[in-house]
Amino acid sequence: MKIRKRKFGAITMSDYVKAARKGSRSAEQELLGPGFHSIDKTHRSKKMYTRKPKHRGAQE
């Protein structure tokens, strides 16, 4: 098989995906700040028992 040389200035699909992911990541960091931010969080029931003092007053 012959390997094709890439034309100078031509944008491949992998280049497009890489640029889109980099742009998305930088936009997210501007919005939320640096570091990891979870997108999906588990839904916690109101009836869920917790020992934290800030939640004890709401139950009583």
PDB file of N, CA and C in Angstrom:
ATOM      1  N   MET A   1       0.829  -1.176   0.000  1.00  0.00           N
ATOM      2  CA  MET A   1       0.000   0.000   0.000  1.00  0.00           C
ATOM      3  C   MET A   1       0.877   1.244   0.000  1.00  0.00           C
ATOM      4  N   LYS A   2       0.453   2.204  -0.725  1.00  0.00           N
ATOM      5  CA  LYS A   2       1.183   3.448  -0.814  1.00  0.00           C
ATOM      6  C   LYS A   2       0.592   4.449   0.178  1.00  0.00           C
ATOM      7  N   ILE A   3       1.459   5.077   0.935  1.00  0.00           N
ATOM      8  CA  ILE A   3       1.008   6.069   1.906  1.00  0.00           C
ATOM      9  C   ILE A   3       0.931   7.415   1.197  1.00  0.00           C
ATOM     10  N   ARG A   4      -0.225   8.040   1.291  1.00  0.00           N
ATOM     11  CA  ARG A   4      -0.411   9.346   0.663  1.00  0.00           C
ATOM     12  C   ARG A   4       0.171  10.443   1.538  1.00  0.00           C
ATOM     13  N   LYS A   5       0.800  11.381   0.903  1.00  0.00           N
ATOM     14  CA  LYS A   5       1.316  12.536   1.632  1.00  0.00           C
ATOM     15  C   LYS A   5       0.188  13.551   1.777  1.00  0.00           C
ATOM     16  N   ARG A   6       0.146  14.169   2.915  1.00  0.00           N
ATOM     17  CA  ARG A   6      -0.892  15.160   3.172  1.00  0.00           C
ATOM     18  C   ARG A   6      -0.519  16.476   2.505  1.00  0.00           C
ATOM     19  N   LYS A   7      -1.490  17.073   1.859  1.00  0.00           N
ATOM     20  CA  LYS A   7      -1.265  18.365   1.227  1.00  0.00           C
ATOM     21  C   LYS A   7      -1.095  19.425   2.303  1.00  0.00           C
ATOM     22  N   PHE A   8      -0.207  20.365   2.057  1.00  0.00           N
ATOM     23  CA  PHE A   8       0.027  21.443   3.006  1.00  0.00           C
ATOM     24  C   PHE A   8      -1.206  22.335   3.073  1.00  0.00           C
ATOM     25  N   GLY A   9      -1.717  22.568   4.278  1.00  0.00           N
ATOM     26  CA  GLY A   9      -2.873  23.427   4.454  1.00  0.00           C
ATOM     27  C   GLY A   9      -4.197  22.682   4.449  1.00  0.00           C
ATOM     28  N   ALA A  10      -4.195  21.402   4.084  1.00  0.00           N
ATOM     29  CA  ALA A  10      -5.441  20.628   4.065  1.00  0.00           C
ATOM     30  C   ALA A  10      -5.799  20.212   5.490  1.00  0.00           C
ATOM     31  N   ILE A  11      -7.065  20.314   5.849  1.00  0.00           N
ATOM     32  CA  ILE A  11      -7.524  19.952   7.185  1.00  0.00           C
ATOM     33  C   ILE A  11      -8.187  18.588   7.111  1.00  0.00           C
ATOM     34  N   THR A  12      -7.677  17.647   7.886  1.00  0.00           N
ATOM     35  CA  THR A  12      -8.255  16.313   7.926  1.00  0.00           C
ATOM     36  C   THR A  12      -9.340  16.258   8.995  1.00  0.00           C
ATOM     37  N   MET A  13     -10.081  15.172   8.997  1.00  0.00           N
ATOM     38  CA  MET A  13     -11.152  14.996   9.982  1.00  0.00           C
ATOM     39  C   MET A  13     -10.574  14.912  11.398  1.00  0.00           C
ATOM     40  N   SER A  14      -9.441  14.242  11.556  1.00  0.00           N
ATOM     41  CA  SER A  14      -8.835  14.131  12.885  1.00  0.00           C
ATOM     42  C   SER A  14      -8.365  15.498  13.392  1.00  0.00           C
ATOM     43  N   ASP A  15      -7.875  16.355  12.490  1.00  0.00           N
ATOM     44  CA  ASP A  15      -7.484  17.711  12.881  1.00  0.00           C
ATOM     45  C   ASP A  15      -8.696  18.508  13.333  1.00  0.00           C
ATOM     46  N   TYR A  16      -9.816  18.336  12.634  1.00  0.00           N
ATOM     47  CA  TYR A  16     -11.044  19.049  12.981  1.00  0.00           C
ATOM     48  C   TYR A  16     -11.552  18.613  14.355  1.00  0.00           C
ATOM     49  N   VAL A  17     -11.557  17.312  14.605  1.00  0.00           N
ATOM     50  CA  VAL A  17     -12.043  16.787  15.887  1.00  0.00           C
ATOM     51  C   VAL A  17     -11.142  17.268  17.025  1.00  0.00           C
ATOM     52  N   LYS A  18      -9.843  17.249  16.796  1.00  0.00           N
ATOM     53  CA  LYS A  18      -8.895  17.679  17.817  1.00  0.00           C
ATOM     54  C   LYS A  18      -9.087  19.158  18.162  1.00  0.00           C
ATOM     55  N   ALA A  19      -9.285  19.984  17.147  1.00  0.00           N
ATOM     56  CA  ALA A  19      -9.487  21.413  17.374  1.00  0.00           C
ATOM     57  C   ALA A  19     -10.817  21.681  18.082  1.00  0.00           C
ATOM     58  N   ALA A  20     -11.860  20.925  17.721  1.00  0.00           N
ATOM     59  CA  ALA A  20     -13.170  21.109  18.344  1.00  0.00           C
ATOM     60  C   ALA A  20     -13.134  20.726  19.820  1.00  0.00           C
ATOM     61  N   ARG A  21     -12.444  19.643  20.142  1.00  0.00           N
ATOM     62  CA  ARG A  21     -12.341  19.204  21.533  1.00  0.00           C
ATOM     63  C   ARG A  21     -11.535  20.199  22.364  1.00  0.00           C
ATOM     64  N   LYS A  22     -10.468  20.727  21.780  1.00  0.00           N
ATOM     65  CA  LYS A  22      -9.640  21.709  22.480  1.00  0.00           C
ATOM     66  C   LYS A  22     -10.434  22.989  22.744  1.00  0.00           C
ATOM     67  N   GLY A  23     -11.218  23.423  21.759  1.00  0.00           N
ATOM     68  CA  GLY A  23     -12.042  24.619  21.932  1.00  0.00           C
ATOM     69  C   GLY A  23     -13.126  24.421  22.971  1.00  0.00           C
ATOM     70  N   SER A  24     -13.729  23.244  22.971  1.00  0.00           N
ATOM     71  CA  SER A  24     -14.769  22.937  23.942  1.00  0.00           C
ATOM     72  C   SER A  24     -14.210  22.935  25.359  1.00  0.00           C
ATOM     73  N   ARG A  25     -13.034  22.357  25.504  1.00  0.00           N
ATOM     74  CA  ARG A  25     -12.398  22.280  26.815  1.00  0.00           C
ATOM     75  C   ARG A  25     -12.045  23.675  27.332  1.00  0.00           C
ATOM     76  N   SER A  26     -11.500  24.526  26.464  1.00  0.00           N
ATOM     77  CA  SER A  26     -11.126  25.869  26.903  1.00  0.00           C
ATOM     78  C   SER A  26     -12.359  26.706  27.243  1.00  0.00           C
ATOM     79  N   ALA A  27     -13.462  26.514  26.512  1.00  0.00           N
ATOM     80  CA  ALA A  27     -14.700  27.229  26.812  1.00  0.00           C
ATOM     81  C   ALA A  27     -15.266  26.792  28.160  1.00  0.00           C
ATOM     82  N   GLU A  28     -15.165  25.497  28.464  1.00  0.00           N
ATOM     83  CA  GLU A  28     -15.643  24.977  29.744  1.00  0.00           C
ATOM     84  C   GLU A  28     -14.807  25.538  30.890  1.00  0.00           C
ATOM     85  N   GLN A  29     -13.496  25.648  30.691  1.00  0.00           N
ATOM     86  CA  GLN A  29     -12.637  26.185  31.738  1.00  0.00           C
ATOM     87  C   GLN A  29     -12.909  27.665  31.986  1.00  0.00           C
ATOM     88  N   GLU A  30     -13.240  28.404  30.949  1.00  0.00           N
ATOM     89  CA  GLU A  30     -13.584  29.816  31.133  1.00  0.00           C
ATOM     90  C   GLU A  30     -14.880  29.962  31.926  1.00  0.00           C
ATOM     91  N   LEU A  31     -15.818  29.079  31.675  1.00  0.00           N
ATOM     92  CA  LEU A  31     -17.120  29.145  32.329  1.00  0.00           C
ATOM     93  C   LEU A  31     -17.065  28.676  33.784  1.00  0.00           C
ATOM     94  N   LEU A  32     -16.413  27.530  34.031  1.00  0.00           N
ATOM     95  CA  LEU A  32     -16.445  26.908  35.353  1.00  0.00           C
ATOM     96  C   LEU A  32     -15.158  27.063  36.156  1.00  0.00           C
ATOM     97  N   GLY A  33     -14.089  27.454  35.522  1.00  0.00           N
ATOM     98  CA  GLY A  33     -12.801  27.560  36.209  1.00  0.00           C
ATOM     99  C   GLY A  33     -11.965  26.319  35.947  1.00  0.00           C
ATOM    100  N   PRO A  34     -10.700  26.337  36.365  1.00  0.00           N
ATOM    101  CA  PRO A  34      -9.812  25.212  36.084  1.00  0.00           C
ATOM    102  C   PRO A  34     -10.161  23.979  36.914  1.00  0.00           C
ATOM    103  N   GLY A  35      -9.737  22.825  36.447  1.00  0.00           N
ATOM    104  CA  GLY A  35      -9.942  21.580  37.183  1.00  0.00           C
ATOM    105  C   GLY A  35     -11.079  20.761  36.627  1.00  0.00           C
ATOM    106  N   PHE A  36     -11.343  19.638  37.284  1.00  0.00           N
ATOM    107  CA  PHE A  36     -12.385  18.707  36.842  1.00  0.00           C
ATOM    108  C   PHE A  36     -13.736  19.135  37.392  1.00  0.00           C
ATOM    109  N   HIS A  37     -14.768  19.089  36.537  1.00  0.00           N
ATOM    110  CA  HIS A  37     -16.137  19.394  36.954  1.00  0.00           C
ATOM    111  C   HIS A  37     -17.059  18.306  36.428  1.00  0.00           C
ATOM    112  N   SER A  38     -17.760  17.668  37.332  1.00  0.00           N
ATOM    113  CA  SER A  38     -18.679  16.608  36.947  1.00  0.00           C
ATOM    114  C   SER A  38     -19.893  17.212  36.249  1.00  0.00           C
ATOM    115  N   ILE A  39     -20.315  16.589  35.160  1.00  0.00           N
ATOM    116  CA  ILE A  39     -21.473  17.069  34.414  1.00  0.00           C
ATOM    117  C   ILE A  39     -22.751  16.444  34.957  1.00  0.00           C
ATOM    118  N   ASP A  40     -22.721  15.138  35.172  1.00  0.00           N
ATOM    119  CA  ASP A  40     -23.895  14.426  35.674  1.00  0.00           C
ATOM    120  C   ASP A  40     -23.690  14.073  37.140  1.00  0.00           C
ATOM    121  N   LYS A  41     -24.639  14.430  37.966  1.00  0.00           N
ATOM    122  CA  LYS A  41     -24.581  14.088  39.376  1.00  0.00           C
ATOM    123  C   LYS A  41     -25.758  13.179  39.701  1.00  0.00           C
ATOM    124  N   THR A  42     -25.577  12.306  40.675  1.00  0.00           N
ATOM    125  CA  THR A  42     -26.645  11.419  41.067  1.00  0.00           C
ATOM    126  C   THR A  42     -27.715  12.200  41.810  1.00  0.00           C
ATOM    127  N   HIS A  43     -28.962  11.822  41.609  1.00  0.00           N
ATOM    128  CA  HIS A  43     -30.078  12.492  42.272  1.00  0.00           C
ATOM    129  C   HIS A  43     -30.194  11.962  43.689  1.00  0.00           C
ATOM    130  N   ARG A  44     -30.221  12.859  44.644  1.00  0.00           N
ATOM    131  CA  ARG A  44     -30.316  12.461  46.038  1.00  0.00           C
ATOM    132  C   ARG A  44     -31.749  12.665  46.523  1.00  0.00           C
ATOM    133  N   SER A  45     -32.294  11.658  47.156  1.00  0.00           N
ATOM    134  CA  SER A  45     -33.651  11.707  47.662  1.00  0.00           C
ATOM    135  C   SER A  45     -33.742  12.657  48.857  1.00  0.00           C
ATOM    136  N   LYS A  46     -34.893  13.315  49.025  1.00  0.00           N
ATOM    137  CA  LYS A  46     -35.108  14.175  50.189  1.00  0.00           C
ATOM    138  C   LYS A  46     -35.167  13.352  51.467  1.00  0.00           C
ATOM    139  N   LYS A  47     -35.540  12.084  51.335  1.00  0.00           N
ATOM    140  CA  LYS A  47     -35.644  11.200  52.495  1.00  0.00           C
ATOM    141  C   LYS A  47     -34.298  10.568  52.873  1.00  0.00           C
ATOM    142  N   MET A  48     -33.264  10.882  52.125  1.00  0.00           N
ATOM    143  CA  MET A  48     -31.939  10.315  52.382  1.00  0.00           C
ATOM    144  C   MET A  48     -31.430  10.765  53.746  1.00  0.00           C
ATOM    145  N   TYR A  49     -31.006   9.822  54.563  1.00  0.00           N
ATOM    146  CA  TYR A  49     -30.509  10.131  55.903  1.00  0.00           C
ATOM    147  C   TYR A  49     -29.082  10.644  55.823  1.00  0.00           C
ATOM    148  N   THR A  50     -28.793  11.707  56.536  1.00  0.00           N
ATOM    149  CA  THR A  50     -27.444  12.243  56.613  1.00  0.00           C
ATOM    150  C   THR A  50     -27.158  12.665  58.044  1.00  0.00           C
ATOM    151  N   ARG A  51     -25.909  12.554  58.455  1.00  0.00           N
ATOM    152  CA  ARG A  51     -25.524  12.897  59.818  1.00  0.00           C
ATOM    153  C   ARG A  51     -25.011  14.316  59.944  1.00  0.00           C
ATOM    154  N   LYS A  52     -24.919  15.031  58.861  1.00  0.00           N
ATOM    155  CA  LYS A  52     -24.348  16.373  58.908  1.00  0.00           C
ATOM    156  C   LYS A  52     -25.243  17.305  59.727  1.00  0.00           C
ATOM    157  N   PRO A  53     -24.640  18.131  60.583  1.00  0.00           N
ATOM    158  CA  PRO A  53     -25.430  19.013  61.452  1.00  0.00           C
ATOM    159  C   PRO A  53     -26.289  20.016  60.668  1.00  0.00           C
ATOM    160  N   LYS A  54     -25.823  20.449  59.520  1.00  0.00           N
ATOM    161  CA  LYS A  54     -26.611  21.437  58.765  1.00  0.00           C
ATOM    162  C   LYS A  54     -27.911  20.842  58.232  1.00  0.00           C
ATOM    163  N   HIS A  55     -27.984  19.520  58.118  1.00  0.00           N
ATOM    164  CA  HIS A  55     -29.199  18.867  57.631  1.00  0.00           C
ATOM    165  C   HIS A  55     -30.089  18.369  58.758  1.00  0.00           C
ATOM    166  N   ARG A  56     -29.589  18.301  59.983  1.00  0.00           N
ATOM    167  CA  ARG A  56     -30.367  17.782  61.111  1.00  0.00           C
ATOM    168  C   ARG A  56     -31.529  18.696  61.452  1.00  0.00           C
ATOM    169  N   GLY A  57     -31.340  19.995  61.361  1.00  0.00           N
ATOM    170  CA  GLY A  57     -32.404  20.935  61.698  1.00  0.00           C
ATOM    171  C   GLY A  57     -33.571  20.857  60.731  1.00  0.00           C
ATOM    172  N   ALA A  58     -33.309  20.504  59.472  1.00  0.00           N
ATOM    173  CA  ALA A  58     -34.377  20.431  58.466  1.00  0.00           C
ATOM    174  C   ALA A  58     -35.275  19.218  58.700  1.00  0.00           C
ATOM    175  N   GLN A  59     -34.713  18.151  59.269  1.00  0.00           N
ATOM    176  CA  GLN A  59     -35.505  16.936  59.486  1.00  0.00           C
ATOM    177  C   GLN A  59     -36.401  17.050  60.707  1.00  0.00           C
ATOM    178  N   GLU A  60     -35.981  17.822  61.704  1.00  0.00           N
ATOM    179  CA  GLU A  60     -36.752  17.902  62.954  1.00  0.00           C
ATOM    180  C   GLU A  60     -37.837  18.931  62.911  1.00  0.00           C
TER     181      GLU A  60
END
